[in-house]
C-alpha atoms as a PDB file:
ATOM      1  CA  MET A   1      58.679  38.420  46.011  1.00  0.00           C
ATOM      2  CA  PRO A   2      57.960  38.775  42.297  1.00  0.00           C
ATOM      3  CA  VAL A   3      57.928  34.991  42.091  1.00  0.00           C
ATOM      4  CA  GLN A   4      55.437  34.825  44.961  1.00  0.00           C
ATOM      5  CA  TRP A   5      53.209  37.449  43.347  1.00  0.00           C
ATOM      6  CA  GLY A   6      53.208  35.531  40.070  1.00  0.00           C
ATOM      7  CA  SER A   7      52.296  32.330  41.907  1.00  0.00           C
ATOM      8  CA  ALA A   8      49.386  34.016  43.625  1.00  0.00           C
ATOM      9  CA  GLN A   9      48.104  35.316  40.318  1.00  0.00           C
ATOM     10  CA  ALA A  10      48.303  31.833  38.819  1.00  0.00           C
ATOM     11  CA  MET A  11      46.264  30.452  41.747  1.00  0.00           C
ATOM     12  CA  GLN A  12      43.605  33.129  41.348  1.00  0.00           C
ATOM     13  CA  GLN A  13      43.122  32.560  37.604  1.00  0.00           C
ATOM     14  CA  PRO A  14      41.366  29.143  37.804  1.00  0.00           C
ATOM     15  CA  LYS A  15      39.171  30.458  40.574  1.00  0.00           C
ATOM     16  CA  SER A  16      38.129  33.340  38.387  1.00  0.00           C
ATOM     17  CA  GLN A  17      37.206  30.966  35.532  1.00  0.00           C
ATOM     18  CA  ALA A  18      35.203  28.767  37.868  1.00  0.00           C
ATOM     19  CA  GLN A  19      33.315  31.818  39.077  1.00  0.00           C
ATOM     20  CA  LYS A  20      32.544  32.789  35.530  1.00  0.00           C
ATOM     21  CA  GLY A  21      31.209  29.301  34.904  1.00  0.00           C
ATOM     22  CA  LEU A  22      28.941  29.521  37.951  1.00  0.00           C
ATOM     23  CA  ASP A  23      27.699  32.929  36.898  1.00  0.00           C
ATOM     24  CA  TRP A  24      26.914  31.636  33.390  1.00  0.00           C
ATOM     25  CA  ALA A  25      25.098  28.616  34.783  1.00  0.00           C
ATOM     26  CA  LYS A  26      22.979  30.825  37.041  1.00  0.00           C
ATOM     27  CA  THR A  27      22.108  33.074  34.137  1.00  0.00           C
ATOM     28  CA  HIS A  28      21.133  30.137  31.915  1.00  0.00           C
ATOM     29  CA  GLN A  29      19.730  27.831  34.546  1.00  0.00           C
ATOM     30  CA  GLU A  30      16.294  27.677  32.900  1.00  0.00           C
ATOM     31  CA  ALA A  31      17.802  26.706  29.561  1.00  0.00           C
ATOM     32  CA  LEU A  32      19.997  24.104  31.245  1.00  0.00           C
ATOM     33  CA  ALA A  33      16.962  22.700  33.029  1.00  0.00           C
ATOM     34  CA  VAL A  34      15.094  22.397  29.733  1.00  0.00           C
ATOM     35  CA  ILE A  35      18.069  20.685  28.094  1.00  0.00           C
ATOM     36  CA  GLY A  36      18.275  18.279  31.015  1.00  0.00           C
ATOM     37  CA  ILE A  37      14.596  17.433  30.727  1.00  0.00           C
ATOM     38  CA  ILE A  38      14.945  16.883  26.969  1.00  0.00           C
ATOM     39  CA  CYS A  39      17.893  14.547  27.536  1.00  0.00           C
ATOM     40  CA  ILE A  40      15.903  12.542  30.078  1.00  0.00           C
ATOM     41  CA  LEU A  41      12.914  12.332  27.733  1.00  0.00           C
ATOM     42  CA  LEU A  42      15.145  11.166  24.904  1.00  0.00           C
ATOM     43  CA  LEU A  43      16.761   8.518  27.074  1.00  0.00           C
ATOM     44  CA  ILE A  44      13.326   7.219  28.018  1.00  0.00           C
ATOM     45  CA  GLY A  45      11.446   8.000  24.820  1.00  0.00           C
ATOM     46  CA  ILE A  46      13.718   6.535  22.161  1.00  0.00           C
ATOM     47  CA  PRO A  47      13.781   2.995  23.617  1.00  0.00           C
ATOM     48  CA  TYR A  48      10.029   3.241  24.251  1.00  0.00           C
ATOM     49  CA  TYR A  49       9.426   4.339  20.643  1.00  0.00           C
ATOM     50  CA  PHE A  50      11.328   1.395  19.191  1.00  0.00           C
ATOM     51  CA  HIS A  51       9.612  -1.001  21.583  1.00  0.00           C
ATOM     52  CA  SER A  52       6.246   0.456  20.607  1.00  0.00           C
ATOM     53  CA  GLN A  53       7.040   0.107  16.901  1.00  0.00           C
ATOM     54  CA  GLU A  54       8.124  -3.481  17.403  1.00  0.00           C
ATOM     55  CA  GLN A  55       4.954  -4.276  19.314  1.00  0.00           C
ATOM     56  CA  SER A  56       2.799  -2.570  16.665  1.00  0.00           C
ATOM     57  CA  GLU A  57       4.383  -4.694  13.957  1.00  0.00           C
ATOM     58  CA  LYS A  58       3.775  -7.864  15.972  1.00  0.00           C
ATOM     59  CA  ASP A  59       0.119  -6.926  16.490  1.00  0.00           C
ATOM     60  CA  ALA A  60      -0.233  -5.996  12.821  1.00  0.00           C
ATOM     61  CA  GLN A  61       1.304  -9.296  11.722  1.00  0.00           C
ATOM     62  CA  SER A  62      -1.101 -11.165  13.963  1.00  0.00           C
ATOM     63  CA  ALA A  63      -4.088  -9.334  12.480  1.00  0.00           C
ATOM     64  CA  LEU A  64      -2.691  -9.896   8.996  1.00  0.00           C
ATOM     65  CA  GLY A  65      -2.647 -13.627   9.684  1.00  0.00           C
ATOM     66  CA  VAL A  66      -6.320 -13.481  10.682  1.00  0.00           C
ATOM     67  CA  GLY A  67      -7.222 -11.663   7.473  1.00  0.00           C
ATOM     68  CA  GLN A  68      -5.343 -14.177   5.357  1.00  0.00           C
ATOM     69  CA  TYR A  69      -7.079 -17.004   7.201  1.00  0.00           C
ATOM     70  CA  TYR A  70     -10.433 -15.469   6.249  1.00  0.00           C
ATOM     71  CA  LEU A  71      -9.407 -15.533   2.586  1.00  0.00           C
ATOM     72  CA  GLN A  72      -8.739 -19.275   2.847  1.00  0.00           C
ATOM     73  CA  ALA A  73     -11.624 -20.179   5.151  1.00  0.00           C
ATOM     74  CA  PRO A  74     -14.343 -22.418   3.695  1.00  0.00           C
ATOM     75  CA  VAL A  75     -17.712 -21.062   2.630  1.00  0.00           C
ATOM     76  CA  ASP A  76     -20.594 -23.204   3.815  1.00  0.00           C
ATOM     77  CA  PRO A  77     -24.200 -21.913   3.952  1.00  0.00           C
ATOM     78  CA  VAL A  78     -24.951 -24.333   6.811  1.00  0.00           C
ATOM     79  CA  ARG A  79     -21.808 -24.817   8.868  1.00  0.00           C
ATOM     80  CA  GLY A  80     -19.910 -21.647   8.115  1.00  0.00           C
ATOM     81  CA  PRO A  81     -17.741 -20.028   9.253  1.00  0.00           C
ATOM     82  CA  PHE A  82     -18.903 -17.962   6.283  1.00  0.00           C
ATOM     83  CA  LYS A  83     -22.313 -18.381   4.714  1.00  0.00           C
ATOM     84  CA  SER A  84     -21.285 -16.854   1.372  1.00  0.00           C
ATOM     85  CA  GLU A  85     -18.271 -15.617  -0.568  1.00  0.00           C
ATOM     86  CA  ILE A  86     -19.439 -12.025  -0.042  1.00  0.00           C
ATOM     87  CA  ASP A  87     -19.494 -12.527   3.737  1.00  0.00           C
ATOM     88  CA  ARG A  88     -15.966 -13.890   3.663  1.00  0.00           C
ATOM     89  CA  LEU A  89     -14.616 -11.063   1.505  1.00  0.00           C
ATOM     90  CA  GLN A  90     -16.281  -8.391   3.631  1.00  0.00           C
ATOM     91  CA  GLU A  91     -14.855  -9.787   6.856  1.00  0.00           C
ATOM     92  CA  ALA A  92     -11.387 -10.090   5.342  1.00  0.00           C
ATOM     93  CA  LEU A  93     -11.607  -6.573   3.920  1.00  0.00           C
ATOM     94  CA  LYS A  94     -12.580  -5.105   7.302  1.00  0.00           C
ATOM     95  CA  THR A  95      -9.598  -6.817   8.897  1.00  0.00           C
ATOM     96  CA  PHE A  96      -7.121  -5.555   6.305  1.00  0.00           C
ATOM     97  CA  GLN A  97      -8.528  -2.032   6.408  1.00  0.00           C
ATOM     98  CA  ARG A  98      -8.246  -1.965  10.195  1.00  0.00           C
ATOM     99  CA  ILE A  99      -4.568  -2.889   9.903  1.00  0.00           C
ATOM    100  CA  THR A 100      -3.897  -0.043   7.450  1.00  0.00           C
ATOM    101  CA  THR A 101      -5.436   2.481   9.851  1.00  0.00           C
ATOM    102  CA  ASP A 102      -4.515   1.135  13.296  1.00  0.00           C
ATOM    103  CA  TYR A 103      -0.951   0.157  12.360  1.00  0.00           C
ATOM    104  CA  ALA A 104      -0.187   2.665   9.614  1.00  0.00           C
ATOM    105  CA  GLY A 105       3.462   2.787   8.643  1.00  0.00           C
ATOM    106  CA  THR A 106       4.307  -0.775   9.645  1.00  0.00           C
ATOM    107  CA  PRO A 107       5.499  -3.279   7.019  1.00  0.00           C
ATOM    108  CA  ALA A 108       2.427  -5.413   7.726  1.00  0.00           C
ATOM    109  CA  ALA A 109       0.125  -2.459   6.974  1.00  0.00           C
ATOM    110  CA  LYS A 110       1.674  -2.117   3.508  1.00  0.00           C
ATOM    111  CA  VAL A 111       0.975  -5.780   2.797  1.00  0.00           C
ATOM    112  CA  ALA A 112      -2.533  -5.431   4.231  1.00  0.00           C
ATOM    113  CA  ARG A 113      -3.273  -2.647   1.744  1.00  0.00           C
ATOM    114  CA  TYR A 114      -2.505  -5.030  -1.120  1.00  0.00           C
ATOM    115  CA  TYR A 115      -4.861  -7.665   0.294  1.00  0.00           C
ATOM    116  CA  ALA A 116      -7.549  -5.059   0.903  1.00  0.00           C
ATOM    117  CA  ALA A 117      -7.311  -4.174  -2.788  1.00  0.00           C
ATOM    118  CA  LYS A 118      -7.680  -7.855  -3.721  1.00  0.00           C
ATOM    119  CA  CYS A 119     -10.826  -8.122  -1.609  1.00  0.00           C
ATOM    120  CA  GLN A 120     -12.262  -4.980  -3.186  1.00  0.00           C
ATOM    121  CA  PHE A 121     -11.477  -6.257  -6.671  1.00  0.00           C
ATOM    122  CA  SER A 122     -13.152  -9.607  -5.971  1.00  0.00           C
ATOM    123  CA  SER A 123     -16.161  -7.708  -4.591  1.00  0.00           C
ATOM    124  CA  GLY A 124     -16.485  -5.605  -7.735  1.00  0.00           C
ATOM    125  CA  GLN A 125     -15.258  -2.396  -6.070  1.00  0.00           C
ATOM    126  CA  TYR A 126     -12.901  -1.627  -8.929  1.00  0.00           C
ATOM    127  CA  ALA A 127     -12.373   2.089  -8.356  1.00  0.00           C
ATOM    128  CA  GLN A 128     -11.472   1.574  -4.675  1.00  0.00           C
ATOM    129  CA  ALA A 129      -9.312  -1.449  -5.536  1.00  0.00           C
ATOM    130  CA  TYR A 130      -7.400   0.606  -8.107  1.00  0.00           C
ATOM    131  CA  VAL A 131      -6.503   3.230  -5.492  1.00  0.00           C
ATOM    132  CA  ASN A 132      -5.248   0.630  -3.019  1.00  0.00           C
ATOM    133  CA  PHE A 133      -3.360  -1.342  -5.668  1.00  0.00           C
ATOM    134  CA  ASP A 134      -1.691   1.874  -6.786  1.00  0.00           C
ATOM    135  CA  GLU A 135      -0.636   2.765  -3.241  1.00  0.00           C
ATOM    136  CA  ALA A 136       0.521  -0.792  -2.516  1.00  0.00           C
ATOM    137  CA  SER A 137       2.636  -0.881  -5.680  1.00  0.00           C
ATOM    138  CA  ARG A 138       4.519   2.194  -4.416  1.00  0.00           C
ATOM    139  CA  GLN A 139       4.808   1.111  -0.794  1.00  0.00           C
ATOM    140  CA  LEU A 140       6.000  -2.399  -1.685  1.00  0.00           C
ATOM    141  CA  LYS A 141       8.376  -1.316  -4.436  1.00  0.00           C
ATOM    142  CA  ARG A 142      11.037  -3.830  -5.488  1.00  0.00           C
ATOM    143  CA  THR A 143       9.075  -6.759  -4.045  1.00  0.00           C
ATOM    144  CA  PRO A 144       6.987  -9.428  -5.840  1.00  0.00           C
ATOM    145  CA  LEU A 145       3.820  -7.989  -4.301  1.00  0.00           C
ATOM    146  CA  ALA A 146       4.576  -4.638  -5.955  1.00  0.00           C
ATOM    147  CA  ASP A 147       4.412  -6.359  -9.350  1.00  0.00           C
ATOM    148  CA  GLU A 148       1.206  -8.120  -8.324  1.00  0.00           C
ATOM    149  CA  ALA A 149      -0.273  -4.785  -7.260  1.00  0.00           C
ATOM    150  CA  ALA A 150       0.723  -3.170 -10.558  1.00  0.00           C
ATOM    151  CA  LEU A 151      -1.054  -5.981 -12.400  1.00  0.00           C
ATOM    152  CA  GLY A 152      -4.062  -5.506 -10.131  1.00  0.00           C
ATOM    153  CA  LYS A 153      -4.288  -1.863 -11.166  1.00  0.00           C
ATOM    154  CA  VAL A 154      -4.532  -2.768 -14.849  1.00  0.00           C
ATOM    155  CA  LEU A 155      -7.040  -5.539 -14.180  1.00  0.00           C
ATOM    156  CA  CYS A 156      -9.232  -2.931 -12.501  1.00  0.00           C
ATOM    157  CA  LEU A 157      -9.127  -0.889 -15.697  1.00  0.00           C
ATOM    158  CA  GLU A 158     -10.017  -3.950 -17.766  1.00  0.00           C
ATOM    159  CA  ALA A 159     -12.914  -4.790 -15.471  1.00  0.00           C
ATOM    160  CA  GLN A 160     -14.329  -1.342 -16.189  1.00  0.00           C
ATOM    161  CA  GLY A 161     -13.849  -1.729 -19.945  1.00  0.00           C
ATOM    162  CA  GLN A 162     -11.059   0.856 -20.119  1.00  0.00           C
ATOM    163  CA  TRP A 163      -8.992  -1.024 -22.696  1.00  0.00           C
ATOM    164  CA  ILE A 164      -6.906   1.882 -23.983  1.00  0.00           C
ATOM    165  CA  GLN A 165      -5.832   2.766 -20.429  1.00  0.00           C
ATOM    166  CA  ALA A 166      -5.187  -0.922 -19.742  1.00  0.00           C
ATOM    167  CA  ILE A 167      -2.919  -1.186 -22.788  1.00  0.00           C
ATOM    168  CA  SER A 168      -0.971   1.840 -21.584  1.00  0.00           C
ATOM    169  CA  GLY A 169      -0.662   0.271 -18.129  1.00  0.00           C
ATOM    170  CA  TYR A 170       0.638  -3.025 -19.506  1.00  0.00           C
ATOM    171  CA  GLU A 171       3.116  -1.308 -21.819  1.00  0.00           C
ATOM    172  CA  THR A 172       4.424   0.861 -18.986  1.00  0.00           C
ATOM    173  CA  PHE A 173       4.843  -2.155 -16.737  1.00  0.00           C
ATOM    174  CA  LEU A 174       6.803  -4.093 -19.369  1.00  0.00           C
ATOM    175  CA  SER A 175       9.067  -1.145 -20.138  1.00  0.00           C
ATOM    176  CA  GLU A 176       9.864  -0.684 -16.440  1.00  0.00           C
ATOM    177  CA  ASN A 177       9.940  -4.378 -15.445  1.00  0.00           C
ATOM    178  CA  PRO A 178      10.965  -6.425 -18.507  1.00  0.00           C
ATOM    179  CA  ASP A 179      12.293  -9.285 -16.383  1.00  0.00           C
ATOM    180  CA  SER A 180       9.397  -9.503 -13.945  1.00  0.00           C
ATOM    181  CA  PHE A 181       8.103 -12.964 -13.103  1.00  0.00           C
ATOM    182  CA  LEU A 182       4.744 -11.651 -14.313  1.00  0.00           C
ATOM    183  CA  ALA A 183       6.047 -10.731 -17.780  1.00  0.00           C
ATOM    184  CA  PRO A 184       4.503 -13.782 -19.559  1.00  0.00           C
ATOM    185  CA  GLU A 185       1.083 -13.118 -18.025  1.00  0.00           C
ATOM    186  CA  ILE A 186       1.340  -9.392 -18.706  1.00  0.00           C
ATOM    187  CA  ARG A 187       2.234  -9.965 -22.370  1.00  0.00           C
ATOM    188  CA  LEU A 188      -0.660 -12.372 -22.838  1.00  0.00           C
ATOM    189  CA  ASN A 189      -3.040  -9.906 -21.181  1.00  0.00           C
ATOM    190  CA  LEU A 190      -1.661  -7.135 -23.378  1.00  0.00           C
ATOM    191  CA  ALA A 191      -2.341  -9.222 -26.473  1.00  0.00           C
ATOM    192  CA  VAL A 192      -5.957  -9.728 -25.359  1.00  0.00           C
ATOM    193  CA  ALA A 193      -6.289  -5.992 -24.698  1.00  0.00           C
ATOM    194  CA  TYR A 194      -5.016  -5.274 -28.208  1.00  0.00           C
ATOM    195  CA  LEU A 195      -7.626  -7.664 -29.608  1.00  0.00           C
ATOM    196  CA  LYS A 196     -10.324  -5.893 -27.615  1.00  0.00           C
ATOM    197  CA  SER A 197      -9.233  -2.598 -29.157  1.00  0.00           C
ATOM    198  CA  GLN A 198      -9.212  -4.134 -32.667  1.00  0.00           C
ATOM    199  CA  ASN A 199      -5.427  -3.933 -33.026  1.00  0.00           C
ATOM    200  CA  ASN A 200      -4.785  -7.424 -34.372  1.00  0.00           C
ATOM    201  CA  ALA A 201      -1.279  -6.661 -35.608  1.00  0.00           C
ATOM    202  CA  LYS A 202      -0.060  -5.659 -32.139  1.00  0.00           C
ATOM    203  CA  ALA A 203      -1.874  -8.625 -30.615  1.00  0.00           C
ATOM    204  CA  PHE A 204      -0.104 -10.943 -33.081  1.00  0.00           C
ATOM    205  CA  GLU A 205       3.302  -9.543 -32.034  1.00  0.00           C
ATOM    206  CA  GLN A 206       2.655 -10.116 -28.329  1.00  0.00           C
ATOM    207  CA  LEU A 207       1.228 -13.602 -28.809  1.00  0.00           C
ATOM    208  CA  LYS A 208       4.166 -14.646 -30.980  1.00  0.00           C
ATOM    209  CA  TRP A 209       6.675 -13.202 -28.476  1.00  0.00           C
ATOM    210  CA  THR A 210       5.019 -14.946 -25.524  1.00  0.00           C
ATOM    211  CA  ALA A 211       4.649 -18.290 -27.277  1.00  0.00           C
ATOM    212  CA  GLU A 212       8.285 -18.315 -28.394  1.00  0.00           C
ATOM    213  CA  LYS A 213       9.925 -16.934 -25.258  1.00  0.00           C
ATOM    214  CA  TYR A 214       7.877 -18.859 -22.678  1.00  0.00           C
ATOM    215  CA  PRO A 215       6.840 -22.061 -24.507  1.00  0.00           C
ATOM    216  CA  GLU A 216       6.684 -24.273 -21.407  1.00  0.00           C
ATOM    217  CA  THR A 217       4.588 -21.944 -19.292  1.00  0.00           C
ATOM    218  CA  THR A 218       0.814 -21.853 -19.045  1.00  0.00           C
ATOM    219  CA  TRP A 219       0.895 -18.370 -20.557  1.00  0.00           C
ATOM    220  CA  GLY A 220       3.121 -19.437 -23.427  1.00  0.00           C
ATOM    221  CA  LYS A 221       0.880 -22.362 -24.282  1.00  0.00           C
ATOM    222  CA  GLU A 222      -2.240 -20.219 -24.203  1.00  0.00           C
ATOM    223  CA  ALA A 223      -0.482 -17.604 -26.339  1.00  0.00           C
ATOM    224  CA  ALA A 224       0.359 -20.317 -28.916  1.00  0.00           C
ATOM    225  CA  TRP A 225      -3.277 -21.452 -28.940  1.00  0.00           C
ATOM    226  CA  ARG A 226      -4.570 -17.897 -29.373  1.00  0.00           C
ATOM    227  CA  LEU A 227      -1.964 -17.244 -32.055  1.00  0.00           C
ATOM    228  CA  ALA A 228      -3.109 -20.279 -34.035  1.00  0.00           C
ATOM    229  CA  ARG A 229      -6.721 -19.126 -33.813  1.00  0.00           C
ATOM    230  CA  LEU A 230      -5.778 -15.625 -34.890  1.00  0.00           C
ATOM    231  CA  GLN A 231      -3.835 -16.934 -37.877  1.00  0.00           C
ATOM    232  CA  SER A 232      -6.713 -19.212 -38.942  1.00  0.00           C
ATOM    233  CA  LYS A 233      -9.024 -16.201 -39.131  1.00  0.00           C
ATOM    234  CA  SER A 234      -6.676 -14.078 -41.190  1.00  0.00           C
END
């Protein structure tokens, strides 16, 4: 009999645990329902999100192609498609700006911001171009366009006659990116900025460096020509 009693107790134990589980589920049925709904939404929402992001990037790339076409399209007062350079730049700018707002966060939107800055610079909107170049240089970091955007920022300062700030911008760029493909151009521009600020000694250093280090490049050859002129005046 003791064996039978022990067996009965063993059979009742799982039943008791199952009952406890049912009781807990009843008590927390609302929470379980919410968790279930969240799981369903995640199962549906995550694939939809990635599909939506992929589609947004495709649409943004398509619009980016249109904007870049505008930049290359011919200007013809009679035949068009653009009657003037201003018309072309404005249409391209609107396209790039729409990409940055409608498809914000996509890789194409980051590139579009750089091109929007280029359009603004070419249109004489230097303050606005500076802001977009600055943002593009951060968003496109460690890419060639980031270096281009950094150069664009300093050119905006030059266009506004801010030579001291431009010198600081060039020096910062060279200290952070000494091996950039833009280094020869940057050094030549820095030399010109030094000349504008009446610092001939610093200009001489940059021209000499550029001419000697990049002798076969366009920038190196121009630096050598400027250096010769500078020496003839001294």
